[in-house]
Amino acid sequence: MNNKNVISLPASENFTPDLAVKHVMSLCEVGQLADILMVGYDNDNELIVFSSRMSRAEAVFLLEKAKDWAMNGGMK
């Protein structure tokens, strides 16, 4: 998580979970992702969280970056 580059995923209200995962997998296949944090809900509305090799502190940092992205209309 020491990479300073930011990759902006397209925010889409039309992406299904399958489409979102396929998009992220395409980024993984070409080596564009160093680490990943996935957050979602299952069919029972239970929170699901998966991550690659990151500490809880790094996950919180990444969530705060995502929160800022969502609140300010995405990357400029």
PDB file of N, CA and C in Angstrom:
ATOM      1  N   MET A   1       0.815  -1.201   0.000  1.00  0.00           N
ATOM      2  CA  MET A   1       0.000   0.000   0.000  1.00  0.00           C
ATOM      3  C   MET A   1       0.856   1.261   0.000  1.00  0.00           C
ATOM      4  N   ASN A   2       2.101   1.140  -0.338  1.00  0.00           N
ATOM      5  CA  ASN A   2       2.963   2.314  -0.374  1.00  0.00           C
ATOM      6  C   ASN A   2       2.905   3.022  -1.715  1.00  0.00           C
ATOM      7  N   ASN A   3       2.146   2.489  -2.652  1.00  0.00           N
ATOM      8  CA  ASN A   3       2.028   3.074  -3.975  1.00  0.00           C
ATOM      9  C   ASN A   3       1.255   4.384  -3.897  1.00  0.00           C
ATOM     10  N   LYS A   4       1.788   5.446  -4.461  1.00  0.00           N
ATOM     11  CA  LYS A   4       1.145   6.760  -4.417  1.00  0.00           C
ATOM     12  C   LYS A   4       0.178   6.967  -5.577  1.00  0.00           C
ATOM     13  N   ASN A   5       0.177   6.053  -6.567  1.00  0.00           N
ATOM     14  CA  ASN A   5      -0.724   6.186  -7.710  1.00  0.00           C
ATOM     15  C   ASN A   5      -2.149   5.862  -7.298  1.00  0.00           C
ATOM     16  N   VAL A   6      -3.078   6.544  -7.933  1.00  0.00           N
ATOM     17  CA  VAL A   6      -4.490   6.305  -7.661  1.00  0.00           C
ATOM     18  C   VAL A   6      -5.144   5.836  -8.946  1.00  0.00           C
ATOM     19  N   ILE A   7      -5.864   4.749  -8.868  1.00  0.00           N
ATOM     20  CA  ILE A   7      -6.618   4.244 -10.016  1.00  0.00           C
ATOM     21  C   ILE A   7      -8.077   4.486  -9.729  1.00  0.00           C
ATOM     22  N   SER A   8      -8.741   5.184 -10.612  1.00  0.00           N
ATOM     23  CA  SER A   8     -10.145   5.522 -10.422  1.00  0.00           C
ATOM     24  C   SER A   8     -11.015   4.514 -11.151  1.00  0.00           C
ATOM     25  N   LEU A   9     -11.825   3.797 -10.404  1.00  0.00           N
ATOM     26  CA  LEU A   9     -12.777   2.893 -11.016  1.00  0.00           C
ATOM     27  C   LEU A   9     -14.028   3.680 -11.372  1.00  0.00           C
ATOM     28  N   PRO A  10     -14.682   3.356 -12.472  1.00  0.00           N
ATOM     29  CA  PRO A  10     -15.875   4.120 -12.835  1.00  0.00           C
ATOM     30  C   PRO A  10     -17.007   3.883 -11.846  1.00  0.00           C
ATOM     31  N   ALA A  11     -17.521   4.955 -11.298  1.00  0.00           N
ATOM     32  CA  ALA A  11     -18.673   4.836 -10.404  1.00  0.00           C
ATOM     33  C   ALA A  11     -19.902   4.716 -11.277  1.00  0.00           C
ATOM     34  N   SER A  12     -20.618   3.634 -11.127  1.00  0.00           N
ATOM     35  CA  SER A  12     -21.795   3.420 -11.944  1.00  0.00           C
ATOM     36  C   SER A  12     -22.916   2.870 -11.089  1.00  0.00           C
ATOM     37  N   GLU A  13     -24.051   3.487 -11.161  1.00  0.00           N
ATOM     38  CA  GLU A  13     -25.214   2.981 -10.445  1.00  0.00           C
ATOM     39  C   GLU A  13     -25.837   1.811 -11.194  1.00  0.00           C
ATOM     40  N   ASN A  14     -25.316   1.503 -12.391  1.00  0.00           N
ATOM     41  CA  ASN A  14     -25.854   0.428 -13.207  1.00  0.00           C
ATOM     42  C   ASN A  14     -25.035  -0.855 -13.130  1.00  0.00           C
ATOM     43  N   PHE A  15     -23.859  -0.817 -12.525  1.00  0.00           N
ATOM     44  CA  PHE A  15     -23.026  -2.014 -12.425  1.00  0.00           C
ATOM     45  C   PHE A  15     -23.704  -3.027 -11.513  1.00  0.00           C
ATOM     46  N   THR A  16     -23.808  -4.264 -11.975  1.00  0.00           N
ATOM     47  CA  THR A  16     -24.224  -5.354 -11.103  1.00  0.00           C
ATOM     48  C   THR A  16     -22.986  -5.802 -10.329  1.00  0.00           C
ATOM     49  N   PRO A  17     -23.142  -6.567  -9.258  1.00  0.00           N
ATOM     50  CA  PRO A  17     -21.949  -7.084  -8.578  1.00  0.00           C
ATOM     51  C   PRO A  17     -21.044  -7.851  -9.538  1.00  0.00           C
ATOM     52  N   ASP A  18     -21.635  -8.625 -10.435  1.00  0.00           N
ATOM     53  CA  ASP A  18     -20.852  -9.392 -11.403  1.00  0.00           C
ATOM     54  C   ASP A  18     -20.029  -8.477 -12.313  1.00  0.00           C
ATOM     55  N   LEU A  19     -20.643  -7.411 -12.820  1.00  0.00           N
ATOM     56  CA  LEU A  19     -19.920  -6.475 -13.685  1.00  0.00           C
ATOM     57  C   LEU A  19     -18.802  -5.766 -12.930  1.00  0.00           C
ATOM     58  N   ALA A  20     -19.074  -5.363 -11.692  1.00  0.00           N
ATOM     59  CA  ALA A  20     -18.050  -4.674 -10.902  1.00  0.00           C
ATOM     60  C   ALA A  20     -16.853  -5.582 -10.656  1.00  0.00           C
ATOM     61  N   VAL A  21     -17.110  -6.840 -10.296  1.00  0.00           N
ATOM     62  CA  VAL A  21     -16.016  -7.784 -10.039  1.00  0.00           C
ATOM     63  C   VAL A  21     -15.250  -8.078 -11.326  1.00  0.00           C
ATOM     64  N   LYS A  22     -15.942  -8.244 -12.439  1.00  0.00           N
ATOM     65  CA  LYS A  22     -15.260  -8.485 -13.714  1.00  0.00           C
ATOM     66  C   LYS A  22     -14.371  -7.302 -14.094  1.00  0.00           C
ATOM     67  N   HIS A  23     -14.840  -6.085 -13.834  1.00  0.00           N
ATOM     68  CA  HIS A  23     -14.025  -4.905 -14.134  1.00  0.00           C
ATOM     69  C   HIS A  23     -12.766  -4.901 -13.286  1.00  0.00           C
ATOM     70  N   VAL A  24     -12.902  -5.180 -12.009  1.00  0.00           N
ATOM     71  CA  VAL A  24     -11.742  -5.221 -11.124  1.00  0.00           C
ATOM     72  C   VAL A  24     -10.805  -6.359 -11.528  1.00  0.00           C
ATOM     73  N   MET A  25     -11.358  -7.506 -11.897  1.00  0.00           N
ATOM     74  CA  MET A  25     -10.514  -8.623 -12.333  1.00  0.00           C
ATOM     75  C   MET A  25      -9.712  -8.258 -13.582  1.00  0.00           C
ATOM     76  N   SER A  26     -10.322  -7.487 -14.481  1.00  0.00           N
ATOM     77  CA  SER A  26      -9.574  -7.078 -15.678  1.00  0.00           C
ATOM     78  C   SER A  26      -8.394  -6.190 -15.295  1.00  0.00           C
ATOM     79  N   LEU A  27      -8.547  -5.382 -14.256  1.00  0.00           N
ATOM     80  CA  LEU A  27      -7.425  -4.563 -13.777  1.00  0.00           C
ATOM     81  C   LEU A  27      -6.353  -5.441 -13.140  1.00  0.00           C
ATOM     82  N   CYS A  28      -6.780  -6.470 -12.412  1.00  0.00           N
ATOM     83  CA  CYS A  28      -5.824  -7.392 -11.790  1.00  0.00           C
ATOM     84  C   CYS A  28      -5.018  -8.140 -12.844  1.00  0.00           C
ATOM     85  N   GLU A  29      -5.697  -8.557 -13.904  1.00  0.00           N
ATOM     86  CA  GLU A  29      -5.045  -9.357 -14.943  1.00  0.00           C
ATOM     87  C   GLU A  29      -3.915  -8.617 -15.648  1.00  0.00           C
ATOM     88  N   VAL A  30      -3.987  -7.293 -15.693  1.00  0.00           N
ATOM     89  CA  VAL A  30      -2.910  -6.524 -16.337  1.00  0.00           C
ATOM     90  C   VAL A  30      -1.988  -5.879 -15.308  1.00  0.00           C
ATOM     91  N   GLY A  31      -2.132  -6.287 -14.042  1.00  0.00           N
ATOM     92  CA  GLY A  31      -1.220  -5.835 -13.000  1.00  0.00           C
ATOM     93  C   GLY A  31      -1.417  -4.403 -12.540  1.00  0.00           C
ATOM     94  N   GLN A  32      -2.631  -3.872 -12.655  1.00  0.00           N
ATOM     95  CA  GLN A  32      -2.867  -2.485 -12.258  1.00  0.00           C
ATOM     96  C   GLN A  32      -3.250  -2.322 -10.792  1.00  0.00           C
ATOM     97  N   LEU A  33      -3.484  -3.406 -10.080  1.00  0.00           N
ATOM     98  CA  LEU A  33      -3.870  -3.289  -8.673  1.00  0.00           C
ATOM     99  C   LEU A  33      -2.810  -3.909  -7.780  1.00  0.00           C
ATOM    100  N   ALA A  34      -2.358  -3.149  -6.798  1.00  0.00           N
ATOM    101  CA  ALA A  34      -1.397  -3.671  -5.833  1.00  0.00           C
ATOM    102  C   ALA A  34      -2.109  -4.324  -4.665  1.00  0.00           C
ATOM    103  N   ASP A  35      -3.187  -3.730  -4.229  1.00  0.00           N
ATOM    104  CA  ASP A  35      -3.997  -4.234  -3.125  1.00  0.00           C
ATOM    105  C   ASP A  35      -5.446  -3.889  -3.402  1.00  0.00           C
ATOM    106  N   ILE A  36      -6.346  -4.576  -2.718  1.00  0.00           N
ATOM    107  CA  ILE A  36      -7.765  -4.333  -2.950  1.00  0.00           C
ATOM    108  C   ILE A  36      -8.555  -4.538  -1.665  1.00  0.00           C
ATOM    109  N   LEU A  37      -9.609  -3.748  -1.533  1.00  0.00           N
ATOM    110  CA  LEU A  37     -10.552  -3.873  -0.434  1.00  0.00           C
ATOM    111  C   LEU A  37     -11.934  -3.936  -1.063  1.00  0.00           C
ATOM    112  N   MET A  38     -12.666  -5.010  -0.791  1.00  0.00           N
ATOM    113  CA  MET A  38     -14.005  -5.174  -1.352  1.00  0.00           C
ATOM    114  C   MET A  38     -15.011  -5.139  -0.209  1.00  0.00           C
ATOM    115  N   VAL A  39     -16.055  -4.340  -0.391  1.00  0.00           N
ATOM    116  CA  VAL A  39     -17.093  -4.196   0.621  1.00  0.00           C
ATOM    117  C   VAL A  39     -18.434  -4.351  -0.063  1.00  0.00           C
ATOM    118  N   GLY A  40     -19.315  -5.130   0.510  1.00  0.00           N
ATOM    119  CA  GLY A  40     -20.630  -5.304  -0.083  1.00  0.00           C
ATOM    120  C   GLY A  40     -21.593  -5.920   0.904  1.00  0.00           C
ATOM    121  N   TYR A  41     -22.771  -6.201   0.411  1.00  0.00           N
ATOM    122  CA  TYR A  41     -23.795  -6.877   1.203  1.00  0.00           C
ATOM    123  C   TYR A  41     -24.164  -8.172   0.510  1.00  0.00           C
ATOM    124  N   ASP A  42     -24.420  -9.217   1.295  1.00  0.00           N
ATOM    125  CA  ASP A  42     -24.899 -10.459   0.707  1.00  0.00           C
ATOM    126  C   ASP A  42     -26.425 -10.418   0.602  1.00  0.00           C
ATOM    127  N   ASN A  43     -27.022 -11.514   0.180  1.00  0.00           N
ATOM    128  CA  ASN A  43     -28.469 -11.555  -0.024  1.00  0.00           C
ATOM    129  C   ASN A  43     -29.268 -11.422   1.270  1.00  0.00           C
ATOM    130  N   ASP A  44     -28.611 -11.608   2.414  1.00  0.00           N
ATOM    131  CA  ASP A  44     -29.269 -11.444   3.718  1.00  0.00           C
ATOM    132  C   ASP A  44     -28.977 -10.075   4.325  1.00  0.00           C
ATOM    133  N   ASN A  45     -28.440  -9.161   3.512  1.00  0.00           N
ATOM    134  CA  ASN A  45     -28.052  -7.816   3.952  1.00  0.00           C
ATOM    135  C   ASN A  45     -26.985  -7.827   5.047  1.00  0.00           C
ATOM    136  N   GLU A  46     -26.139  -8.857   5.038  1.00  0.00           N
ATOM    137  CA  GLU A  46     -25.009  -8.918   5.956  1.00  0.00           C
ATOM    138  C   GLU A  46     -23.795  -8.296   5.271  1.00  0.00           C
ATOM    139  N   LEU A  47     -23.029  -7.516   6.012  1.00  0.00           N
ATOM    140  CA  LEU A  47     -21.828  -6.872   5.482  1.00  0.00           C
ATOM    141  C   LEU A  47     -20.769  -7.915   5.161  1.00  0.00           C
ATOM    142  N   ILE A  48     -20.192  -7.802   3.975  1.00  0.00           N
ATOM    143  CA  ILE A  48     -19.119  -8.685   3.529  1.00  0.00           C
ATOM    144  C   ILE A  48     -17.898  -7.812   3.231  1.00  0.00           C
ATOM    145  N   VAL A  49     -16.757  -8.164   3.810  1.00  0.00           N
ATOM    146  CA  VAL A  49     -15.523  -7.416   3.580  1.00  0.00           C
ATOM    147  C   VAL A  49     -14.402  -8.402   3.281  1.00  0.00           C
ATOM    148  N   PHE A  50     -13.709  -8.179   2.164  1.00  0.00           N
ATOM    149  CA  PHE A  50     -12.528  -8.956   1.796  1.00  0.00           C
ATOM    150  C   PHE A  50     -11.419  -7.972   1.453  1.00  0.00           C
ATOM    151  N   SER A  51     -10.198  -8.366   1.751  1.00  0.00           N
ATOM    152  CA  SER A  51      -9.077  -7.507   1.358  1.00  0.00           C
ATOM    153  C   SER A  51      -7.880  -8.358   1.008  1.00  0.00           C
ATOM    154  N   SER A  52      -6.976  -7.744   0.275  1.00  0.00           N
ATOM    155  CA  SER A  52      -5.690  -8.393   0.034  1.00  0.00           C
ATOM    156  C   SER A  52      -4.807  -8.028   1.223  1.00  0.00           C
ATOM    157  N   ARG A  53      -3.577  -8.210   1.089  1.00  0.00           N
ATOM    158  CA  ARG A  53      -2.612  -8.061   2.190  1.00  0.00           C
ATOM    159  C   ARG A  53      -2.543  -6.641   2.729  1.00  0.00           C
ATOM    160  N   MET A  54      -3.450  -6.301   3.618  1.00  0.00           N
ATOM    161  CA  MET A  54      -3.404  -4.986   4.252  1.00  0.00           C
ATOM    162  C   MET A  54      -3.845  -5.112   5.695  1.00  0.00           C
ATOM    163  N   SER A  55      -3.320  -4.210   6.502  1.00  0.00           N
ATOM    164  CA  SER A  55      -3.708  -4.187   7.910  1.00  0.00           C
ATOM    165  C   SER A  55      -5.072  -3.502   8.042  1.00  0.00           C
ATOM    166  N   ARG A  56      -5.647  -3.597   9.198  1.00  0.00           N
ATOM    167  CA  ARG A  56      -6.912  -2.903   9.447  1.00  0.00           C
ATOM    168  C   ARG A  56      -6.738  -1.391   9.325  1.00  0.00           C
ATOM    169  N   ALA A  57      -5.607  -0.885   9.764  1.00  0.00           N
ATOM    170  CA  ALA A  57      -5.348   0.552   9.649  1.00  0.00           C
ATOM    171  C   ALA A  57      -5.285   0.977   8.183  1.00  0.00           C
ATOM    172  N   GLU A  58      -4.644   0.157   7.354  1.00  0.00           N
ATOM    173  CA  GLU A  58      -4.581   0.465   5.923  1.00  0.00           C
ATOM    174  C   GLU A  58      -5.966   0.383   5.286  1.00  0.00           C
ATOM    175  N   ALA A  59      -6.788  -0.560   5.743  1.00  0.00           N
ATOM    176  CA  ALA A  59      -8.158  -0.673   5.232  1.00  0.00           C
ATOM    177  C   ALA A  59      -8.966   0.567   5.593  1.00  0.00           C
ATOM    178  N   VAL A  60      -8.815   1.059   6.813  1.00  0.00           N
ATOM    179  CA  VAL A  60      -9.524   2.285   7.222  1.00  0.00           C
ATOM    180  C   VAL A  60      -9.057   3.463   6.382  1.00  0.00           C
ATOM    181  N   PHE A  61      -7.749   3.563   6.143  1.00  0.00           N
ATOM    182  CA  PHE A  61      -7.223   4.644   5.309  1.00  0.00           C
ATOM    183  C   PHE A  61      -7.836   4.585   3.916  1.00  0.00           C
ATOM    184  N   LEU A  62      -7.888   3.375   3.332  1.00  0.00           N
ATOM    185  CA  LEU A  62      -8.456   3.207   2.007  1.00  0.00           C
ATOM    186  C   LEU A  62      -9.946   3.555   1.996  1.00  0.00           C
ATOM    187  N   LEU A  63     -10.668   3.165   3.040  1.00  0.00           N
ATOM    188  CA  LEU A  63     -12.084   3.529   3.140  1.00  0.00           C
ATOM    189  C   LEU A  63     -12.280   5.034   3.241  1.00  0.00           C
ATOM    190  N   GLU A  64     -11.403   5.703   3.962  1.00  0.00           N
ATOM    191  CA  GLU A  64     -11.498   7.164   4.064  1.00  0.00           C
ATOM    192  C   GLU A  64     -11.241   7.823   2.708  1.00  0.00           C
ATOM    193  N   LYS A  65     -10.291   7.279   1.947  1.00  0.00           N
ATOM    194  CA  LYS A  65     -10.051   7.800   0.595  1.00  0.00           C
ATOM    195  C   LYS A  65     -11.286   7.588  -0.277  1.00  0.00           C
ATOM    196  N   ALA A  66     -11.902   6.420  -0.163  1.00  0.00           N
ATOM    197  CA  ALA A  66     -13.112   6.129  -0.937  1.00  0.00           C
ATOM    198  C   ALA A  66     -14.264   7.031  -0.502  1.00  0.00           C
ATOM    199  N   LYS A  67     -14.363   7.294   0.779  1.00  0.00           N
ATOM    200  CA  LYS A  67     -15.412   8.188   1.292  1.00  0.00           C
ATOM    201  C   LYS A  67     -15.226   9.586   0.714  1.00  0.00           C
ATOM    202  N   ASP A  68     -14.006  10.071   0.710  1.00  0.00           N
ATOM    203  CA  ASP A  68     -13.720  11.388   0.145  1.00  0.00           C
ATOM    204  C   ASP A  68     -14.065  11.413  -1.348  1.00  0.00           C
ATOM    205  N   TRP A  69     -13.722  10.341  -2.063  1.00  0.00           N
ATOM    206  CA  TRP A  69     -14.036  10.226  -3.489  1.00  0.00           C
ATOM    207  C   TRP A  69     -15.540  10.292  -3.707  1.00  0.00           C
ATOM    208  N   ALA A  70     -16.301   9.540  -2.899  1.00  0.00           N
ATOM    209  CA  ALA A  70     -17.761   9.497  -3.060  1.00  0.00           C
ATOM    210  C   ALA A  70     -18.413  10.831  -2.696  1.00  0.00           C
ATOM    211  N   MET A  71     -17.912  11.484  -1.667  1.00  0.00           N
ATOM    212  CA  MET A  71     -18.532  12.731  -1.206  1.00  0.00           C
ATOM    213  C   MET A  71     -18.198  13.914  -2.118  1.00  0.00           C
ATOM    214  N   ASN A  72     -17.086  13.830  -2.814  1.00  0.00           N
ATOM    215  CA  ASN A  72     -16.653  14.959  -3.643  1.00  0.00           C
ATOM    216  C   ASN A  72     -16.790  14.710  -5.132  1.00  0.00           C
ATOM    217  N   GLY A  73     -17.576  13.727  -5.511  1.00  0.00           N
ATOM    218  CA  GLY A  73     -17.872  13.519  -6.923  1.00  0.00           C
ATOM    219  C   GLY A  73     -16.797  12.844  -7.738  1.00  0.00           C
ATOM    220  N   GLY A  74     -15.940  12.084  -7.114  1.00  0.00           N
ATOM    221  CA  GLY A  74     -14.922  11.341  -7.854  1.00  0.00           C
ATOM    222  C   GLY A  74     -13.630  12.102  -8.014  1.00  0.00           C
ATOM    223  N   MET A  75     -12.694  11.453  -8.681  1.00  0.00           N
ATOM    224  CA  MET A  75     -11.371  12.046  -8.890  1.00  0.00           C
ATOM    225  C   MET A  75     -11.435  13.148  -9.925  1.00  0.00           C
ATOM    226  N   LYS A  76     -10.587  14.130  -9.784  1.00  0.00           N
ATOM    227  CA  LYS A  76     -10.514  15.218 -10.742  1.00  0.00           C
ATOM    228  C   LYS A  76      -9.256  15.086 -11.550  1.00  0.00           C
TER     229      LYS A  76
END
